[in-house]
Amino acid sequence: MIVRHFLDWVRSAPAGKRAEATGALARAYLYSDLSADDAAAAEGAMLMLLDDPSPLVRRALADAVAASPSAPPAIVMALAADQPQIAAPVLALSPLFVDADLVDAVATGAALVQAAIASRAGLPRSVAAAIAEVGTAETCLDLVENSTAEIASFSIDRMVDRFGHLAAIREALLAREDISAATRLTLVAKVSETLVGFVAARQWLGVDHVQRIAREACEKATVTLAAETPPTQMRPLIQHLRASGQLTAGLVLRALLSGNVVLFEEALAELTDMPVERVSSLVHDSGNAGLRALFDQAGLPASTYPAFKEAIEAMREGGFISEPGGAARLRRRMIERVLTRCENEALGELAPLLTLLRRFATEAAREEARLFCDDLVAESFADEQSEAA
């Protein structure tokens, strides 16, 4: 009887009043103890309201039924096919959709629809993959920031390929703990490309100069990241570096001169297609014959061998023990030793290597100075705190 009166009233009521009454009717259906006849009548009335000309009414219905598992499926499905602002609440909250429904909505829906789906709690991998493939940048950002979404690594890589040049997406991805070291390096490379283009476009520096600075910054970031990478992820990281053309002699030498022996040995194992255990034994063996054969098989430039040999000999003598900075920072004393030995050799092919070593030495000296100044400031602050106490 109440529903019959509602239907009579709703035909002439203003849109705002109809919207309020529609929400009340839907909540009564979902949460009140209606008789079977009243429940059937209420469901029929809601189905009729799907054709209401006012979006306010249909949005009120969508808001009321969106999160309920007891909502009539036909109503939920119809609302999901309505205008984006009406479909968004049910697509964001309704538990009645299966993965295929959501994938289809992502493929065919507007940005507002995609964003609603990207915000769903516990979003499954298949739907996240669809968003990564066809979603807008804003939608992909919503997905990355959804801490409950299940996102496969290939979906993350796809978003990096599509939108890695956007700072907001880069920052959101880097804030996640589940992205691989290889993906982090790809994001670093995206930043580098953006900065190179920016500086070169303004002619602040020559293109070659900017590209060299960016390349060395990426190599420094690679060694830093590798120092924090678990051993189980090291080989995939090395394979990514090789596939992307970043596994250069300069990077391998930087790793060794930073004391990152794991990265150095894994890189040689990848380049020579040898077990890392075999590579390690040749590196740490007291002789140099096996080391030279290993170096040649890795395909590294012959002109860089003197630097590698001298650094390995210093490592065998414990040259990394006395220097601070972990395995992420160039070792100044090690570089100076290698540089001095190489300077005593004939120039010619060694000239580019000496230039590289001098840049390494400058970088190491500046880093050491920063650490020294930081320690002085920390000691001064500690003394002031002690005196104040």
Foldseek 3Di string as FASTA:
>chain_A
DVLVVVVVVLVPDDPVVLQVVLLVLLLCLQPNDDDPVSNVSSLVVLVVQLPPPDVSNLQSNCQNCQADQPRDPVSLVSQCPDPLSSNLSNLLHYPPDDLVVLLVCLVPDDQSNLQSNLQHAQAEAVNLLSCLQDNDLVSVLSNLQNPRYDHDQVSLVSNCVVPLLPPSSLVSNVPDPPHALLSVLSSLVSVLVVVLVVCVVVPVDPSVVSVVVSLVVSLLVSQQSLLVHPLVRLLVNLVSCVVVVNLAPLSLLQLLQLVVVSNNLSNLCVLLVHPSVVSVCLLLDPDCPSVVVSVVSSVHDPLCVLLVVQSSVCVNVVVVPPADDGSNAGGQVSLVRSLVVLVPDDDDSNVVVNVSSVVSNVRRVVVVVVVVVVVVVVVVVVVVVVVVD
